[in-house]
Every structure is written in C-alpha cells, then in structure tokens.
Amino acid sequence: MTRPRFHLAFPVRDLAEARAFYGQLLGCQEGRSSDEWVDFDFFGHQIVAHLSPSEGGAEGSNCVDGEIVPVRHFGVILEMPEWRDLADALSRAGLDFLIEPGVRFKGQLGEQATLFIRDPSGNTLEFKAFAHDTMVFAR
C-alpha cells in the first residue's frame, strides 16, 4: 500500500440494490458482508453500505463553477483514461447523470473532468480526473 486507504460507511435502503449498483455497474469487488452491511473495494478504498431504509438523503447544495453540486457526496479521482471509460460505460448503461460528464474550471488552475451520479438510495457520487495529478491540491 503506497497511500493510506480511505474508509467510508454510508446508508442504503436495500442491500441488493447496493450490490447491483456498486458491484455490477461500477465493478467494485464485494468483500465481507452480513445481513445489514456490505464492504466494497471502491477503486482501492473500502466503502461499506449499511442497511438503513429510513435514512433519507437531505442535502444542501453549493454552486461550483456554475453548477449546483450536492454538499453531501463522495467519490474518487481517477486517471483521465479511466474516467473517460467510466463516463462512457455509465452513458451506455443509460444512467441518469445528476451532473453530466464535462470539464470544470476550464483553462484554470485545477481544471478537472467531473461527473455526478446517484446510487439507488440517493447517495451522490462524484468521479473526477485531472490532466496532471499535481493539480489535485493546487491553489
């Protein structure tokens, strides 16, 4: 392990839906599980879908480069070719994008390709890529 792995636990309304979305659609390998939770390998990071049918996704939003972005979201930074492949695969699967694949901060410091989707439980995910890894924390 060259970097520490991130761990995130989040609510889902149905574990079968979570397995279909994260396991089948996004290709995340399933790890340990029980009747109440499922671990997934989310691009090298551990995420855990916890069964919580009544937990809603109340969310605020902020304007980021002209787009309304849900405050509560998680995701991963991919290499640009991986991001393009994922964006294409999600488009082919007919998934509704919350924010369509595109480039944010075009021509500026921190230019990035990004897209936003929601899982079946309403959790918002962002997938992004930078032309150069040094731009991730550039100010």
N, C-alpha and C. Protein backbone atom coordinates (compact mmCIF):
# COMPACT_ATOMS: atom_id res chain seq x y z
N MET A 1 0.86 -1.19 0.00
CA MET A 1 0.00 0.00 0.00
C MET A 1 0.89 1.23 0.00
N THR A 2 0.81 2.04 -1.05
CA THR A 2 1.64 3.24 -1.14
C THR A 2 0.99 4.44 -0.45
N ARG A 3 -0.31 4.45 -0.35
CA ARG A 3 -1.05 5.51 0.33
C ARG A 3 -2.03 4.88 1.29
N PRO A 4 -2.37 5.58 2.37
CA PRO A 4 -3.43 5.04 3.23
C PRO A 4 -4.73 4.90 2.44
N ARG A 5 -5.50 3.91 2.78
CA ARG A 5 -6.79 3.71 2.13
C ARG A 5 -7.86 4.46 2.91
N PHE A 6 -8.81 4.97 2.19
CA PHE A 6 -9.92 5.68 2.79
C PHE A 6 -11.03 4.70 3.11
N HIS A 7 -11.73 4.93 4.21
CA HIS A 7 -12.87 4.10 4.62
C HIS A 7 -14.08 5.01 4.76
N LEU A 8 -15.19 4.60 4.18
CA LEU A 8 -16.43 5.37 4.27
C LEU A 8 -17.60 4.42 4.47
N ALA A 9 -18.40 4.68 5.48
CA ALA A 9 -19.64 3.94 5.71
C ALA A 9 -20.79 4.87 5.37
N PHE A 10 -21.80 4.34 4.69
CA PHE A 10 -22.91 5.19 4.24
C PHE A 10 -24.20 4.37 4.23
N PRO A 11 -25.35 5.04 4.33
CA PRO A 11 -26.62 4.33 4.38
C PRO A 11 -27.15 3.96 3.00
N VAL A 12 -27.80 2.80 2.93
CA VAL A 12 -28.53 2.39 1.73
C VAL A 12 -29.88 1.82 2.15
N ARG A 13 -30.85 1.91 1.24
CA ARG A 13 -32.19 1.43 1.58
C ARG A 13 -32.35 -0.06 1.34
N ASP A 14 -31.47 -0.65 0.48
CA ASP A 14 -31.62 -2.05 0.10
C ASP A 14 -30.24 -2.58 -0.31
N LEU A 15 -29.82 -3.68 0.31
CA LEU A 15 -28.50 -4.22 0.01
C LEU A 15 -28.42 -4.85 -1.39
N ALA A 16 -29.50 -5.42 -1.88
CA ALA A 16 -29.48 -5.99 -3.23
C ALA A 16 -29.28 -4.88 -4.26
N GLU A 17 -29.93 -3.74 -4.07
CA GLU A 17 -29.72 -2.59 -4.96
C GLU A 17 -28.28 -2.12 -4.89
N ALA A 18 -27.73 -2.06 -3.67
CA ALA A 18 -26.35 -1.62 -3.50
C ALA A 18 -25.39 -2.58 -4.20
N ARG A 19 -25.63 -3.87 -4.07
CA ARG A 19 -24.78 -4.85 -4.75
C ARG A 19 -24.85 -4.69 -6.27
N ALA A 20 -26.03 -4.46 -6.79
CA ALA A 20 -26.18 -4.27 -8.24
C ALA A 20 -25.48 -3.00 -8.70
N PHE A 21 -25.64 -1.91 -7.96
CA PHE A 21 -25.07 -0.62 -8.36
C PHE A 21 -23.55 -0.62 -8.21
N TYR A 22 -23.07 -0.89 -7.00
CA TYR A 22 -21.63 -0.82 -6.74
C TYR A 22 -20.88 -2.02 -7.31
N GLY A 23 -21.45 -3.20 -7.16
CA GLY A 23 -20.78 -4.41 -7.62
C GLY A 23 -20.84 -4.61 -9.12
N GLN A 24 -22.05 -4.57 -9.67
CA GLN A 24 -22.22 -4.86 -11.09
C GLN A 24 -21.97 -3.64 -11.97
N LEU A 25 -22.63 -2.52 -11.70
CA LEU A 25 -22.49 -1.35 -12.57
C LEU A 25 -21.11 -0.72 -12.46
N LEU A 26 -20.64 -0.46 -11.22
CA LEU A 26 -19.34 0.20 -11.04
C LEU A 26 -18.18 -0.79 -11.00
N GLY A 27 -18.46 -2.08 -10.89
CA GLY A 27 -17.40 -3.08 -10.91
C GLY A 27 -16.58 -3.17 -9.63
N CYS A 28 -17.17 -2.78 -8.51
CA CYS A 28 -16.47 -2.84 -7.22
C CYS A 28 -16.59 -4.24 -6.64
N GLN A 29 -15.46 -4.85 -6.35
CA GLN A 29 -15.47 -6.20 -5.80
C GLN A 29 -16.05 -6.17 -4.38
N GLU A 30 -16.90 -7.15 -4.10
CA GLU A 30 -17.50 -7.25 -2.78
C GLU A 30 -16.54 -7.93 -1.82
N GLY A 31 -16.49 -7.41 -0.60
CA GLY A 31 -15.69 -8.02 0.45
C GLY A 31 -16.59 -8.72 1.44
N ARG A 32 -16.32 -8.51 2.72
CA ARG A 32 -17.13 -9.13 3.75
C ARG A 32 -18.53 -8.53 3.75
N SER A 33 -19.47 -9.27 4.35
CA SER A 33 -20.83 -8.75 4.42
C SER A 33 -21.60 -9.46 5.53
N SER A 34 -22.75 -8.91 5.83
CA SER A 34 -23.69 -9.54 6.76
C SER A 34 -25.08 -9.24 6.22
N ASP A 35 -26.09 -9.52 7.01
CA ASP A 35 -27.46 -9.18 6.59
C ASP A 35 -27.72 -7.68 6.68
N GLU A 36 -26.78 -6.92 7.27
CA GLU A 36 -27.00 -5.49 7.49
C GLU A 36 -25.98 -4.59 6.81
N TRP A 37 -24.93 -5.14 6.23
CA TRP A 37 -23.91 -4.31 5.58
C TRP A 37 -23.12 -5.12 4.56
N VAL A 38 -22.47 -4.38 3.63
CA VAL A 38 -21.63 -4.98 2.60
C VAL A 38 -20.41 -4.09 2.39
N ASP A 39 -19.22 -4.70 2.42
CA ASP A 39 -17.97 -4.00 2.07
C ASP A 39 -17.77 -4.06 0.56
N PHE A 40 -17.26 -2.96 -0.01
CA PHE A 40 -16.88 -2.93 -1.42
C PHE A 40 -15.48 -2.33 -1.56
N ASP A 41 -14.73 -2.84 -2.54
CA ASP A 41 -13.45 -2.26 -2.92
C ASP A 41 -13.77 -1.16 -3.94
N PHE A 42 -13.77 0.08 -3.47
CA PHE A 42 -14.12 1.24 -4.28
C PHE A 42 -12.84 1.88 -4.80
N PHE A 43 -12.33 1.31 -5.91
CA PHE A 43 -11.12 1.83 -6.54
C PHE A 43 -9.94 1.84 -5.55
N GLY A 44 -9.83 0.76 -4.76
CA GLY A 44 -8.74 0.64 -3.80
C GLY A 44 -9.06 1.15 -2.41
N HIS A 45 -10.25 1.67 -2.23
CA HIS A 45 -10.68 2.19 -0.93
C HIS A 45 -11.85 1.35 -0.42
N GLN A 46 -12.01 1.30 0.90
CA GLN A 46 -13.08 0.49 1.48
C GLN A 46 -14.30 1.36 1.75
N ILE A 47 -15.41 1.00 1.10
CA ILE A 47 -16.68 1.63 1.44
C ILE A 47 -17.61 0.55 1.95
N VAL A 48 -18.50 0.93 2.85
CA VAL A 48 -19.39 -0.03 3.46
C VAL A 48 -20.82 0.49 3.37
N ALA A 49 -21.64 -0.25 2.64
CA ALA A 49 -23.06 0.08 2.51
C ALA A 49 -23.79 -0.53 3.70
N HIS A 50 -24.33 0.33 4.57
CA HIS A 50 -25.06 -0.13 5.75
C HIS A 50 -26.56 0.00 5.50
N LEU A 51 -27.29 -1.06 5.76
CA LEU A 51 -28.73 -1.06 5.58
C LEU A 51 -29.37 -0.08 6.56
N SER A 52 -30.08 0.89 6.01
CA SER A 52 -30.77 1.91 6.80
C SER A 52 -31.91 2.48 5.97
N PRO A 53 -32.98 1.69 5.81
CA PRO A 53 -34.06 2.05 4.89
C PRO A 53 -34.71 3.40 5.16
N SER A 54 -34.69 3.86 6.40
CA SER A 54 -35.40 5.10 6.72
C SER A 54 -34.52 6.34 6.67
N GLU A 55 -33.21 6.16 6.47
CA GLU A 55 -32.32 7.32 6.47
C GLU A 55 -32.37 8.01 5.12
N GLY A 56 -32.94 9.20 5.09
CA GLY A 56 -33.08 9.95 3.84
C GLY A 56 -31.84 10.73 3.50
N GLY A 57 -31.80 11.23 2.31
CA GLY A 57 -30.64 11.97 1.83
C GLY A 57 -30.89 13.47 1.80
N ALA A 58 -31.29 14.06 2.93
CA ALA A 58 -31.47 15.51 2.97
C ALA A 58 -30.13 16.16 2.64
N GLU A 59 -30.16 17.10 1.73
CA GLU A 59 -28.89 17.68 1.32
C GLU A 59 -29.01 19.13 0.93
N GLY A 60 -27.96 19.85 1.26
CA GLY A 60 -27.81 21.20 0.78
C GLY A 60 -27.01 21.17 -0.50
N SER A 61 -26.81 22.33 -1.09
CA SER A 61 -26.02 22.39 -2.32
C SER A 61 -25.25 23.70 -2.36
N ASN A 62 -24.20 23.70 -3.15
CA ASN A 62 -23.38 24.88 -3.39
C ASN A 62 -23.19 25.02 -4.90
N CYS A 63 -22.94 26.25 -5.33
CA CYS A 63 -22.64 26.50 -6.73
C CYS A 63 -21.13 26.34 -6.92
N VAL A 64 -20.73 25.46 -7.84
CA VAL A 64 -19.32 25.24 -8.16
C VAL A 64 -19.16 25.41 -9.67
N ASP A 65 -18.45 26.45 -10.05
CA ASP A 65 -18.21 26.74 -11.46
C ASP A 65 -19.51 26.71 -12.27
N GLY A 66 -20.55 27.30 -11.70
CA GLY A 66 -21.82 27.44 -12.40
C GLY A 66 -22.77 26.27 -12.30
N GLU A 67 -22.38 25.21 -11.58
CA GLU A 67 -23.26 24.04 -11.44
C GLU A 67 -23.66 23.87 -9.98
N ILE A 68 -24.88 23.38 -9.76
CA ILE A 68 -25.37 23.13 -8.41
C ILE A 68 -24.89 21.74 -7.99
N VAL A 69 -24.02 21.71 -6.98
CA VAL A 69 -23.39 20.48 -6.51
C VAL A 69 -23.92 20.12 -5.12
N PRO A 70 -24.42 18.90 -4.94
CA PRO A 70 -24.85 18.48 -3.61
C PRO A 70 -23.68 18.52 -2.63
N VAL A 71 -23.89 19.10 -1.46
CA VAL A 71 -22.83 19.18 -0.47
C VAL A 71 -22.40 17.77 -0.03
N ARG A 72 -23.37 16.93 0.25
CA ARG A 72 -23.06 15.57 0.72
C ARG A 72 -22.83 14.67 -0.47
N HIS A 73 -21.57 14.33 -0.71
CA HIS A 73 -21.23 13.39 -1.78
C HIS A 73 -19.85 12.79 -1.50
N PHE A 74 -19.56 11.70 -2.18
CA PHE A 74 -18.23 11.11 -2.11
C PHE A 74 -17.88 10.59 -3.48
N GLY A 75 -16.62 10.26 -3.66
CA GLY A 75 -16.20 9.76 -4.96
C GLY A 75 -14.74 9.42 -4.98
N VAL A 76 -14.19 9.43 -6.18
CA VAL A 76 -12.80 9.04 -6.37
C VAL A 76 -12.22 9.86 -7.52
N ILE A 77 -10.92 10.09 -7.43
CA ILE A 77 -10.19 10.76 -8.51
C ILE A 77 -9.50 9.67 -9.32
N LEU A 78 -9.85 9.59 -10.58
CA LEU A 78 -9.31 8.58 -11.48
C LEU A 78 -8.27 9.19 -12.40
N GLU A 79 -7.53 8.35 -13.09
CA GLU A 79 -6.69 8.81 -14.19
C GLU A 79 -7.64 9.15 -15.34
N MET A 80 -7.26 10.09 -16.20
CA MET A 80 -8.15 10.56 -17.25
C MET A 80 -8.69 9.43 -18.15
N PRO A 81 -7.85 8.47 -18.59
CA PRO A 81 -8.41 7.39 -19.42
C PRO A 81 -9.46 6.56 -18.68
N GLU A 82 -9.22 6.29 -17.40
CA GLU A 82 -10.20 5.54 -16.60
C GLU A 82 -11.50 6.32 -16.46
N TRP A 83 -11.38 7.65 -16.26
CA TRP A 83 -12.56 8.50 -16.11
C TRP A 83 -13.39 8.46 -17.40
N ARG A 84 -12.72 8.60 -18.53
CA ARG A 84 -13.43 8.55 -19.83
C ARG A 84 -14.14 7.21 -20.02
N ASP A 85 -13.44 6.12 -19.69
CA ASP A 85 -14.05 4.79 -19.81
C ASP A 85 -15.28 4.66 -18.91
N LEU A 86 -15.18 5.15 -17.67
CA LEU A 86 -16.32 5.08 -16.75
C LEU A 86 -17.47 5.94 -17.26
N ALA A 87 -17.18 7.15 -17.70
CA ALA A 87 -18.23 8.04 -18.22
C ALA A 87 -18.95 7.38 -19.40
N ASP A 88 -18.19 6.77 -20.28
CA ASP A 88 -18.78 6.07 -21.43
C ASP A 88 -19.63 4.89 -20.98
N ALA A 89 -19.12 4.11 -20.03
CA ALA A 89 -19.86 2.94 -19.54
C ALA A 89 -21.17 3.36 -18.86
N LEU A 90 -21.13 4.41 -18.08
CA LEU A 90 -22.35 4.89 -17.41
C LEU A 90 -23.35 5.42 -18.44
N SER A 91 -22.86 6.09 -19.46
CA SER A 91 -23.74 6.58 -20.53
C SER A 91 -24.39 5.41 -21.28
N ARG A 92 -23.59 4.40 -21.61
CA ARG A 92 -24.11 3.22 -22.32
C ARG A 92 -25.14 2.47 -21.47
N ALA A 93 -24.95 2.51 -20.14
CA ALA A 93 -25.88 1.82 -19.24
C ALA A 93 -27.19 2.60 -19.08
N GLY A 94 -27.24 3.81 -19.65
CA GLY A 94 -28.46 4.61 -19.57
C GLY A 94 -28.68 5.27 -18.22
N LEU A 95 -27.62 5.40 -17.45
CA LEU A 95 -27.73 6.01 -16.12
C LEU A 95 -28.03 7.50 -16.26
N ASP A 96 -28.91 8.00 -15.42
CA ASP A 96 -29.20 9.43 -15.38
C ASP A 96 -28.10 10.14 -14.60
N PHE A 97 -27.47 11.11 -15.22
CA PHE A 97 -26.43 11.88 -14.55
C PHE A 97 -27.08 13.03 -13.78
N LEU A 98 -26.62 13.23 -12.56
CA LEU A 98 -27.03 14.41 -11.81
C LEU A 98 -26.34 15.63 -12.42
N ILE A 99 -25.06 15.48 -12.72
CA ILE A 99 -24.29 16.46 -13.49
C ILE A 99 -23.58 15.68 -14.59
N GLU A 100 -23.87 16.03 -15.82
CA GLU A 100 -23.31 15.34 -16.99
C GLU A 100 -21.78 15.39 -17.00
N PRO A 101 -21.13 14.39 -17.60
CA PRO A 101 -19.68 14.43 -17.74
C PRO A 101 -19.24 15.70 -18.47
N GLY A 102 -18.24 16.36 -17.92
CA GLY A 102 -17.74 17.58 -18.53
C GLY A 102 -16.50 18.07 -17.82
N VAL A 103 -16.00 19.21 -18.25
CA VAL A 103 -14.79 19.79 -17.68
C VAL A 103 -15.16 21.04 -16.89
N ARG A 104 -14.69 21.07 -15.67
CA ARG A 104 -14.92 22.20 -14.75
C ARG A 104 -13.62 23.01 -14.66
N PHE A 105 -13.76 24.31 -14.45
CA PHE A 105 -12.62 25.24 -14.31
C PHE A 105 -11.72 25.20 -15.54
N LYS A 106 -12.35 25.12 -16.72
CA LYS A 106 -11.62 25.01 -17.99
C LYS A 106 -10.61 26.16 -18.14
N GLY A 107 -9.36 25.80 -18.41
CA GLY A 107 -8.30 26.77 -18.62
C GLY A 107 -7.79 27.40 -17.34
N GLN A 108 -8.27 26.94 -16.18
CA GLN A 108 -7.86 27.50 -14.90
C GLN A 108 -7.06 26.47 -14.11
N LEU A 109 -6.45 26.95 -13.04
CA LEU A 109 -5.77 26.06 -12.11
C LEU A 109 -6.80 25.09 -11.56
N GLY A 110 -6.49 23.82 -11.57
CA GLY A 110 -7.43 22.83 -11.05
C GLY A 110 -8.45 22.35 -12.05
N GLU A 111 -8.22 22.60 -13.35
CA GLU A 111 -9.13 22.10 -14.38
C GLU A 111 -9.32 20.60 -14.18
N GLN A 112 -10.58 20.15 -14.26
CA GLN A 112 -10.88 18.75 -13.99
C GLN A 112 -12.08 18.27 -14.76
N ALA A 113 -12.02 17.02 -15.15
CA ALA A 113 -13.19 16.35 -15.72
C ALA A 113 -14.00 15.82 -14.55
N THR A 114 -15.31 15.95 -14.61
CA THR A 114 -16.14 15.51 -13.50
C THR A 114 -17.50 15.03 -13.98
N LEU A 115 -18.10 14.19 -13.18
CA LEU A 115 -19.49 13.78 -13.40
C LEU A 115 -20.07 13.40 -12.04
N PHE A 116 -21.37 13.56 -11.91
CA PHE A 116 -22.08 13.21 -10.68
C PHE A 116 -23.23 12.27 -11.00
N ILE A 117 -23.38 11.24 -10.17
CA ILE A 117 -24.50 10.31 -10.27
C ILE A 117 -25.04 10.04 -8.88
N ARG A 118 -26.22 9.43 -8.82
CA ARG A 118 -26.78 8.99 -7.54
C ARG A 118 -26.96 7.48 -7.57
N ASP A 119 -26.70 6.85 -6.42
CA ASP A 119 -26.98 5.42 -6.32
C ASP A 119 -28.48 5.25 -6.07
N PRO A 120 -28.99 4.02 -6.08
CA PRO A 120 -30.43 3.82 -5.91
C PRO A 120 -30.99 4.33 -4.58
N SER A 121 -30.12 4.53 -3.57
CA SER A 121 -30.57 5.04 -2.27
C SER A 121 -30.49 6.55 -2.18
N GLY A 122 -30.04 7.21 -3.24
CA GLY A 122 -29.96 8.66 -3.25
C GLY A 122 -28.62 9.23 -2.82
N ASN A 123 -27.62 8.37 -2.55
CA ASN A 123 -26.28 8.86 -2.23
C ASN A 123 -25.63 9.41 -3.49
N THR A 124 -25.03 10.58 -3.38
CA THR A 124 -24.41 11.22 -4.54
C THR A 124 -22.94 10.86 -4.62
N LEU A 125 -22.50 10.48 -5.82
CA LEU A 125 -21.10 10.14 -6.07
C LEU A 125 -20.54 11.06 -7.14
N GLU A 126 -19.29 11.47 -6.94
CA GLU A 126 -18.58 12.26 -7.94
C GLU A 126 -17.36 11.49 -8.40
N PHE A 127 -17.16 11.43 -9.70
CA PHE A 127 -15.97 10.85 -10.28
C PHE A 127 -15.27 11.96 -11.04
N LYS A 128 -13.98 12.15 -10.77
CA LYS A 128 -13.26 13.23 -11.43
C LYS A 128 -11.89 12.77 -11.86
N ALA A 129 -11.26 13.56 -12.72
CA ALA A 129 -9.91 13.30 -13.19
C ALA A 129 -9.26 14.63 -13.53
N PHE A 130 -7.98 14.71 -13.28
CA PHE A 130 -7.19 15.89 -13.61
C PHE A 130 -6.21 15.52 -14.71
N ALA A 131 -5.88 16.50 -15.56
CA ALA A 131 -4.89 16.26 -16.61
C ALA A 131 -3.54 15.94 -15.97
N HIS A 132 -3.25 16.57 -14.83
CA HIS A 132 -1.99 16.36 -14.11
C HIS A 132 -2.29 16.19 -12.64
N ASP A 133 -1.75 15.13 -12.04
CA ASP A 133 -2.00 14.83 -10.64
C ASP A 133 -1.60 15.98 -9.71
N THR A 134 -0.63 16.78 -10.13
CA THR A 134 -0.19 17.90 -9.28
C THR A 134 -1.27 18.96 -9.11
N MET A 135 -2.31 18.91 -9.91
CA MET A 135 -3.38 19.90 -9.84
C MET A 135 -4.42 19.57 -8.76
N VAL A 136 -4.38 18.38 -8.19
CA VAL A 136 -5.41 17.96 -7.24
C VAL A 136 -5.51 18.95 -6.08
N PHE A 137 -4.39 19.38 -5.53
CA PHE A 137 -4.42 20.29 -4.38
C PHE A 137 -3.87 21.68 -4.72
N ALA A 138 -3.76 21.99 -6.00
CA ALA A 138 -3.22 23.29 -6.41
C ALA A 138 -4.12 24.43 -5.95
N ARG A 139 -3.48 25.53 -5.56
CA ARG A 139 -4.23 26.71 -5.09
C ARG A 139 -4.00 27.89 -5.98
